[in-house]
Amino acid sequence: MSNPSPYVVRLGEGVQTLPGNGVWTLPHSYVLPGQILTLTQSGTKPLSAETQVRIAPATTWGFSVAHYDAPLTPLP
């Protein structure tokens, strides 16, 4: 996961891959500007059919807001 923006992005504790509903753990509840994170899978589901990730952004006060689905892009 990466944050190319100039802003700190606050998130819920996990990331979900879709359509298989795999759960991935974030090392922090935030991603700093320009930071790239490596996630750890909670479980053993294969990634071959996963096409999207679902994240739960949080406000600066720590409240979760509506989830956001983004396309899953493999690294080059």
PDB file of N, CA and C in Angstrom:
ATOM      1  N   MET A   1       0.844  -1.139   0.000  1.00  0.00           N
ATOM      2  CA  MET A   1       0.000   0.000   0.000  1.00  0.00           C
ATOM      3  C   MET A   1       0.905   1.220   0.000  1.00  0.00           C
ATOM      4  N   SER A   2       0.532   2.229  -0.786  1.00  0.00           N
ATOM      5  CA  SER A   2       1.343   3.444  -0.834  1.00  0.00           C
ATOM      6  C   SER A   2       0.461   4.675  -0.722  1.00  0.00           C
ATOM      7  N   ASN A   3       1.061   5.761  -0.301  1.00  0.00           N
ATOM      8  CA  ASN A   3       0.375   7.043  -0.173  1.00  0.00           C
ATOM      9  C   ASN A   3       1.156   8.086  -0.968  1.00  0.00           C
ATOM     10  N   PRO A   4       0.773   8.317  -2.234  1.00  0.00           N
ATOM     11  CA  PRO A   4       1.490   9.298  -3.040  1.00  0.00           C
ATOM     12  C   PRO A   4       1.083  10.744  -2.749  1.00  0.00           C
ATOM     13  N   SER A   5       0.109  10.944  -1.876  1.00  0.00           N
ATOM     14  CA  SER A   5      -0.380  12.299  -1.586  1.00  0.00           C
ATOM     15  C   SER A   5       0.522  13.017  -0.582  1.00  0.00           C
ATOM     16  N   PRO A   6       0.348  14.333  -0.430  1.00  0.00           N
ATOM     17  CA  PRO A   6       1.118  15.081   0.569  1.00  0.00           C
ATOM     18  C   PRO A   6       0.462  15.057   1.955  1.00  0.00           C
ATOM     19  N   TYR A   7      -0.518  14.177   2.165  1.00  0.00           N
ATOM     20  CA  TYR A   7      -1.285  14.153   3.411  1.00  0.00           C
ATOM     21  C   TYR A   7      -1.121  12.828   4.145  1.00  0.00           C
ATOM     22  N   VAL A   8      -1.248  12.862   5.458  1.00  0.00           N
ATOM     23  CA  VAL A   8      -1.311  11.635   6.253  1.00  0.00           C
ATOM     24  C   VAL A   8      -2.695  11.037   6.034  1.00  0.00           C
ATOM     25  N   VAL A   9      -2.758   9.743   5.718  1.00  0.00           N
ATOM     26  CA  VAL A   9      -4.029   9.057   5.523  1.00  0.00           C
ATOM     27  C   VAL A   9      -4.259   8.165   6.731  1.00  0.00           C
ATOM     28  N   ARG A  10      -5.381   8.362   7.407  1.00  0.00           N
ATOM     29  CA  ARG A  10      -5.736   7.540   8.565  1.00  0.00           C
ATOM     30  C   ARG A  10      -6.716   6.465   8.116  1.00  0.00           C
ATOM     31  N   LEU A  11      -6.511   5.246   8.624  1.00  0.00           N
ATOM     32  CA  LEU A  11      -7.301   4.106   8.179  1.00  0.00           C
ATOM     33  C   LEU A  11      -7.787   3.278   9.349  1.00  0.00           C
ATOM     34  N   GLY A  12      -8.775   2.415   9.058  1.00  0.00           N
ATOM     35  CA  GLY A  12      -9.163   1.392  10.008  1.00  0.00           C
ATOM     36  C   GLY A  12      -8.024   0.386  10.121  1.00  0.00           C
ATOM     37  N   GLU A  13      -8.176  -0.621  10.955  1.00  0.00           N
ATOM     38  CA  GLU A  13      -7.077  -1.536  11.264  1.00  0.00           C
ATOM     39  C   GLU A  13      -6.737  -2.539  10.178  1.00  0.00           C
ATOM     40  N   GLY A  14      -7.650  -2.783   9.249  1.00  0.00           N
ATOM     41  CA  GLY A  14      -7.371  -3.814   8.261  1.00  0.00           C
ATOM     42  C   GLY A  14      -7.776  -3.414   6.863  1.00  0.00           C
ATOM     43  N   VAL A  15      -7.296  -4.196   5.902  1.00  0.00           N
ATOM     44  CA  VAL A  15      -7.631  -4.030   4.497  1.00  0.00           C
ATOM     45  C   VAL A  15      -8.240  -5.351   4.049  1.00  0.00           C
ATOM     46  N   GLN A  16      -9.298  -5.276   3.267  1.00  0.00           N
ATOM     47  CA  GLN A  16      -9.973  -6.473   2.789  1.00  0.00           C
ATOM     48  C   GLN A  16      -9.769  -6.587   1.284  1.00  0.00           C
ATOM     49  N   THR A  17      -9.408  -7.793   0.801  1.00  0.00           N
ATOM     50  CA  THR A  17      -9.306  -8.004  -0.637  1.00  0.00           C
ATOM     51  C   THR A  17     -10.611  -8.607  -1.134  1.00  0.00           C
ATOM     52  N   LEU A  18     -10.989  -8.203  -2.349  1.00  0.00           N
ATOM     53  CA  LEU A  18     -12.267  -8.631  -2.921  1.00  0.00           C
ATOM     54  C   LEU A  18     -12.020  -9.303  -4.265  1.00  0.00           C
ATOM     55  N   PRO A  19     -12.795 -10.283  -4.662  1.00  0.00           N
ATOM     56  CA  PRO A  19     -14.037 -10.738  -4.070  1.00  0.00           C
ATOM     57  C   PRO A  19     -13.887 -11.811  -2.998  1.00  0.00           C
ATOM     58  N   GLY A  20     -12.679 -12.244  -2.684  1.00  0.00           N
ATOM     59  CA  GLY A  20     -12.477 -13.357  -1.758  1.00  0.00           C
ATOM     60  C   GLY A  20     -12.561 -13.034  -0.286  1.00  0.00           C
ATOM     61  N   ASN A  21     -12.671 -11.753   0.071  1.00  0.00           N
ATOM     62  CA  ASN A  21     -12.791 -11.317   1.465  1.00  0.00           C
ATOM     63  C   ASN A  21     -11.594 -11.688   2.329  1.00  0.00           C
ATOM     64  N   GLY A  22     -10.395 -11.681   1.746  1.00  0.00           N
ATOM     65  CA  GLY A  22      -9.183 -11.879   2.539  1.00  0.00           C
ATOM     66  C   GLY A  22      -8.936 -10.657   3.415  1.00  0.00           C
ATOM     67  N   VAL A  23      -8.378 -10.860   4.588  1.00  0.00           N
ATOM     68  CA  VAL A  23      -8.119  -9.757   5.515  1.00  0.00           C
ATOM     69  C   VAL A  23      -6.613  -9.576   5.672  1.00  0.00           C
ATOM     70  N   TRP A  24      -6.166  -8.323   5.566  1.00  0.00           N
ATOM     71  CA  TRP A  24      -4.754  -7.966   5.670  1.00  0.00           C
ATOM     72  C   TRP A  24      -4.587  -6.977   6.801  1.00  0.00           C
ATOM     73  N   THR A  25      -3.512  -7.118   7.558  1.00  0.00           N
ATOM     74  CA  THR A  25      -3.276  -6.277   8.723  1.00  0.00           C
ATOM     75  C   THR A  25      -2.314  -5.147   8.391  1.00  0.00           C
ATOM     76  N   LEU A  26      -2.691  -3.941   8.798  1.00  0.00           N
ATOM     77  CA  LEU A  26      -1.820  -2.778   8.630  1.00  0.00           C
ATOM     78  C   LEU A  26      -0.874  -2.668   9.818  1.00  0.00           C
ATOM     79  N   PRO A  27       0.376  -2.251   9.600  1.00  0.00           N
ATOM     80  CA  PRO A  27       1.298  -2.081  10.724  1.00  0.00           C
ATOM     81  C   PRO A  27       0.963  -0.860  11.580  1.00  0.00           C
ATOM     82  N   HIS A  28       0.224   0.103  11.019  1.00  0.00           N
ATOM     83  CA  HIS A  28      -0.179   1.318  11.727  1.00  0.00           C
ATOM     84  C   HIS A  28      -1.586   1.689  11.273  1.00  0.00           C
ATOM     85  N   SER A  29      -2.220   2.599  11.976  1.00  0.00           N
ATOM     86  CA  SER A  29      -3.538   3.087  11.571  1.00  0.00           C
ATOM     87  C   SER A  29      -3.417   4.324  10.688  1.00  0.00           C
ATOM     88  N   TYR A  30      -2.253   4.538  10.102  1.00  0.00           N
ATOM     89  CA  TYR A  30      -2.021   5.696   9.240  1.00  0.00           C
ATOM     90  C   TYR A  30      -0.957   5.348   8.200  1.00  0.00           C
ATOM     91  N   VAL A  31      -0.951   6.124   7.102  1.00  0.00           N
ATOM     92  CA  VAL A  31       0.090   6.010   6.082  1.00  0.00           C
ATOM     93  C   VAL A  31       0.616   7.423   5.858  1.00  0.00           C
ATOM     94  N   LEU A  32       1.902   7.616   6.069  1.00  0.00           N
ATOM     95  CA  LEU A  32       2.518   8.934   5.927  1.00  0.00           C
ATOM     96  C   LEU A  32       2.671   9.313   4.453  1.00  0.00           C
ATOM     97  N   PRO A  33       2.792  10.614   4.143  1.00  0.00           N
ATOM     98  CA  PRO A  33       2.999  11.034   2.756  1.00  0.00           C
ATOM     99  C   PRO A  33       4.230  10.355   2.151  1.00  0.00           C
ATOM    100  N   GLY A  34       4.058   9.763   0.968  1.00  0.00           N
ATOM    101  CA  GLY A  34       5.158   9.100   0.281  1.00  0.00           C
ATOM    102  C   GLY A  34       5.523   7.734   0.833  1.00  0.00           C
ATOM    103  N   GLN A  35       4.858   7.289   1.878  1.00  0.00           N
ATOM    104  CA  GLN A  35       5.200   6.015   2.514  1.00  0.00           C
ATOM    105  C   GLN A  35       4.628   4.834   1.730  1.00  0.00           C
ATOM    106  N   ILE A  36       5.379   3.741   1.717  1.00  0.00           N
ATOM    107  CA  ILE A  36       4.938   2.481   1.129  1.00  0.00           C
ATOM    108  C   ILE A  36       4.937   1.444   2.242  1.00  0.00           C
ATOM    109  N   LEU A  37       3.807   0.757   2.431  1.00  0.00           N
ATOM    110  CA  LEU A  37       3.678  -0.245   3.486  1.00  0.00           C
ATOM    111  C   LEU A  37       3.563  -1.638   2.888  1.00  0.00           C
ATOM    112  N   THR A  38       4.078  -2.615   3.603  1.00  0.00           N
ATOM    113  CA  THR A  38       3.893  -4.017   3.266  1.00  0.00           C
ATOM    114  C   THR A  38       2.878  -4.575   4.248  1.00  0.00           C
ATOM    115  N   LEU A  39       1.846  -5.224   3.718  1.00  0.00           N
ATOM    116  CA  LEU A  39       0.784  -5.754   4.569  1.00  0.00           C
ATOM    117  C   LEU A  39       1.001  -7.230   4.837  1.00  0.00           C
ATOM    118  N   THR A  40       0.461  -7.695   5.961  1.00  0.00           N
ATOM    119  CA  THR A  40       0.533  -9.093   6.349  1.00  0.00           C
ATOM    120  C   THR A  40      -0.859  -9.692   6.253  1.00  0.00           C
ATOM    121  N   GLN A  41      -0.966 -10.837   5.576  1.00  0.00           N
ATOM    122  CA  GLN A  41      -2.268 -11.475   5.423  1.00  0.00           C
ATOM    123  C   GLN A  41      -2.651 -12.203   6.696  1.00  0.00           C
ATOM    124  N   SER A  42      -3.911 -12.013   7.110  1.00  0.00           N
ATOM    125  CA  SER A  42      -4.459 -12.724   8.265  1.00  0.00           C
ATOM    126  C   SER A  42      -5.229 -13.923   7.727  1.00  0.00           C
ATOM    127  N   GLY A  43      -4.564 -15.024   7.490  1.00  0.00           N
ATOM    128  CA  GLY A  43      -5.196 -16.203   6.917  1.00  0.00           C
ATOM    129  C   GLY A  43      -4.358 -16.727   5.765  1.00  0.00           C
ATOM    130  N   THR A  44      -4.928 -17.683   5.028  1.00  0.00           N
ATOM    131  CA  THR A  44      -4.154 -18.330   3.969  1.00  0.00           C
ATOM    132  C   THR A  44      -4.871 -18.341   2.629  1.00  0.00           C
ATOM    133  N   LYS A  45      -5.818 -17.442   2.409  1.00  0.00           N
ATOM    134  CA  LYS A  45      -6.543 -17.425   1.141  1.00  0.00           C
ATOM    135  C   LYS A  45      -5.604 -17.016   0.009  1.00  0.00           C
ATOM    136  N   PRO A  46      -5.682 -17.705  -1.139  1.00  0.00           N
ATOM    137  CA  PRO A  46      -4.835 -17.321  -2.276  1.00  0.00           C
ATOM    138  C   PRO A  46      -5.290 -15.994  -2.876  1.00  0.00           C
ATOM    139  N   LEU A  47      -4.369 -15.265  -3.480  1.00  0.00           N
ATOM    140  CA  LEU A  47      -4.677 -13.951  -4.051  1.00  0.00           C
ATOM    141  C   LEU A  47      -5.018 -13.989  -5.530  1.00  0.00           C
ATOM    142  N   SER A  48      -4.977 -15.120  -6.154  1.00  0.00           N
ATOM    143  CA  SER A  48      -5.093 -15.196  -7.609  1.00  0.00           C
ATOM    144  C   SER A  48      -6.353 -14.551  -8.171  1.00  0.00           C
ATOM    145  N   ALA A  49      -7.473 -14.620  -7.478  1.00  0.00           N
ATOM    146  CA  ALA A  49      -8.730 -14.079  -8.004  1.00  0.00           C
ATOM    147  C   ALA A  49      -9.056 -12.691  -7.468  1.00  0.00           C
ATOM    148  N   GLU A  50      -8.226 -12.147  -6.606  1.00  0.00           N
ATOM    149  CA  GLU A  50      -8.526 -10.847  -6.006  1.00  0.00           C
ATOM    150  C   GLU A  50      -8.321  -9.724  -7.016  1.00  0.00           C
ATOM    151  N   THR A  51      -9.285  -8.811  -7.091  1.00  0.00           N
ATOM    152  CA  THR A  51      -9.227  -7.719  -8.060  1.00  0.00           C
ATOM    153  C   THR A  51      -9.320  -6.342  -7.422  1.00  0.00           C
ATOM    154  N   GLN A  52      -9.752  -6.275  -6.157  1.00  0.00           N
ATOM    155  CA  GLN A  52      -9.929  -4.991  -5.482  1.00  0.00           C
ATOM    156  C   GLN A  52      -9.488  -5.079  -4.032  1.00  0.00           C
ATOM    157  N   VAL A  53      -9.229  -3.920  -3.452  1.00  0.00           N
ATOM    158  CA  VAL A  53      -9.008  -3.822  -2.011  1.00  0.00           C
ATOM    159  C   VAL A  53     -10.048  -2.878  -1.442  1.00  0.00           C
ATOM    160  N   ARG A  54     -10.491  -3.150  -0.234  1.00  0.00           N
ATOM    161  CA  ARG A  54     -11.451  -2.291   0.465  1.00  0.00           C
ATOM    162  C   ARG A  54     -10.760  -1.744   1.704  1.00  0.00           C
ATOM    163  N   ILE A  55     -10.707  -0.430   1.795  1.00  0.00           N
ATOM    164  CA  ILE A  55     -10.132   0.209   2.971  1.00  0.00           C
ATOM    165  C   ILE A  55     -11.208   1.010   3.672  1.00  0.00           C
ATOM    166  N   ALA A  56     -11.005   1.240   4.958  1.00  0.00           N
ATOM    167  CA  ALA A  56     -11.936   2.040   5.752  1.00  0.00           C
ATOM    168  C   ALA A  56     -11.191   3.269   6.239  1.00  0.00           C
ATOM    169  N   PRO A  57     -11.297   4.389   5.510  1.00  0.00           N
ATOM    170  CA  PRO A  57     -10.630   5.611   5.958  1.00  0.00           C
ATOM    171  C   PRO A  57     -11.190   6.073   7.298  1.00  0.00           C
ATOM    172  N   ALA A  58     -10.396   6.831   8.020  1.00  0.00           N
ATOM    173  CA  ALA A  58     -10.820   7.383   9.305  1.00  0.00           C
ATOM    174  C   ALA A  58     -10.589   8.891   9.294  1.00  0.00           C
ATOM    175  N   THR A  59     -11.365   9.599  10.083  1.00  0.00           N
ATOM    176  CA  THR A  59     -11.196  11.045  10.190  1.00  0.00           C
ATOM    177  C   THR A  59     -10.009  11.353  11.091  1.00  0.00           C
ATOM    178  N   THR A  60      -9.640  12.608  11.189  1.00  0.00           N
ATOM    179  CA  THR A  60      -8.530  12.998  12.065  1.00  0.00           C
ATOM    180  C   THR A  60      -8.845  12.720  13.525  1.00  0.00           C
ATOM    181  N   TRP A  61     -10.119  12.516  13.855  1.00  0.00           N
ATOM    182  CA  TRP A  61     -10.511  12.212  15.234  1.00  0.00           C
ATOM    183  C   TRP A  61     -10.631  10.714  15.471  1.00  0.00           C
ATOM    184  N   GLY A  62     -10.320   9.905  14.452  1.00  0.00           N
ATOM    185  CA  GLY A  62     -10.313   8.457  14.627  1.00  0.00           C
ATOM    186  C   GLY A  62     -11.611   7.752  14.317  1.00  0.00           C
ATOM    187  N   PHE A  63     -12.616   8.453  13.806  1.00  0.00           N
ATOM    188  CA  PHE A  63     -13.885   7.819  13.475  1.00  0.00           C
ATOM    189  C   PHE A  63     -13.833   7.250  12.061  1.00  0.00           C
ATOM    190  N   SER A  64     -14.334   6.027  11.895  1.00  0.00           N
ATOM    191  CA  SER A  64     -14.379   5.424  10.561  1.00  0.00           C
ATOM    192  C   SER A  64     -15.452   6.104   9.726  1.00  0.00           C
ATOM    193  N   VAL A  65     -15.190   6.211   8.442  1.00  0.00           N
ATOM    194  CA  VAL A  65     -16.172   6.736   7.499  1.00  0.00           C
ATOM    195  C   VAL A  65     -16.444   5.653   6.461  1.00  0.00           C
ATOM    196  N   ALA A  66     -17.258   5.943   5.456  1.00  0.00           N
ATOM    197  CA  ALA A  66     -17.629   4.946   4.450  1.00  0.00           C
ATOM    198  C   ALA A  66     -16.389   4.300   3.826  1.00  0.00           C
ATOM    199  N   HIS A  67     -16.480   2.993   3.568  1.00  0.00           N
ATOM    200  CA  HIS A  67     -15.338   2.285   2.979  1.00  0.00           C
ATOM    201  C   HIS A  67     -15.093   2.755   1.549  1.00  0.00           C
ATOM    202  N   TYR A  68     -13.909   2.439   1.059  1.00  0.00           N
ATOM    203  CA  TYR A  68     -13.489   2.824  -0.284  1.00  0.00           C
ATOM    204  C   TYR A  68     -12.907   1.597  -0.968  1.00  0.00           C
ATOM    205  N   ASP A  69     -13.393   1.287  -2.166  1.00  0.00           N
ATOM    206  CA  ASP A  69     -12.879   0.162  -2.943  1.00  0.00           C
ATOM    207  C   ASP A  69     -11.955   0.688  -4.037  1.00  0.00           C
ATOM    208  N   ALA A  70     -10.779   0.073  -4.154  1.00  0.00           N
ATOM    209  CA  ALA A  70      -9.798   0.491  -5.161  1.00  0.00           C
ATOM    210  C   ALA A  70      -9.315  -0.742  -5.918  1.00  0.00           C
ATOM    211  N   PRO A  71      -8.925  -0.582  -7.188  1.00  0.00           N
ATOM    212  CA  PRO A  71      -8.409  -1.732  -7.939  1.00  0.00           C
ATOM    213  C   PRO A  71      -7.087  -2.213  -7.352  1.00  0.00           C
ATOM    214  N   LEU A  72      -6.890  -3.502  -7.371  1.00  0.00           N
ATOM    215  CA  LEU A  72      -5.650  -4.111  -6.888  1.00  0.00           C
ATOM    216  C   LEU A  72      -4.668  -4.151  -8.053  1.00  0.00           C
ATOM    217  N   THR A  73      -3.537  -3.495  -7.881  1.00  0.00           N
ATOM    218  CA  THR A  73      -2.543  -3.387  -8.941  1.00  0.00           C
ATOM    219  C   THR A  73      -1.261  -4.087  -8.513  1.00  0.00           C
ATOM    220  N   PRO A  74      -0.820  -5.104  -9.256  1.00  0.00           N
ATOM    221  CA  PRO A  74       0.432  -5.785  -8.885  1.00  0.00           C
ATOM    222  C   PRO A  74       1.636  -4.876  -9.105  1.00  0.00           C
ATOM    223  N   LEU A  75       2.673  -5.101  -8.336  1.00  0.00           N
ATOM    224  CA  LEU A  75       3.915  -4.351  -8.510  1.00  0.00           C
ATOM    225  C   LEU A  75       4.593  -4.781  -9.800  1.00  0.00           C
ATOM    226  N   PRO A  76       5.298  -3.852 -10.450  1.00  0.00           N
ATOM    227  CA  PRO A  76       5.986  -4.211 -11.707  1.00  0.00           C
ATOM    228  C   PRO A  76       7.140  -5.163 -11.465  1.00  0.00           C
TER     229      PRO A  76
END
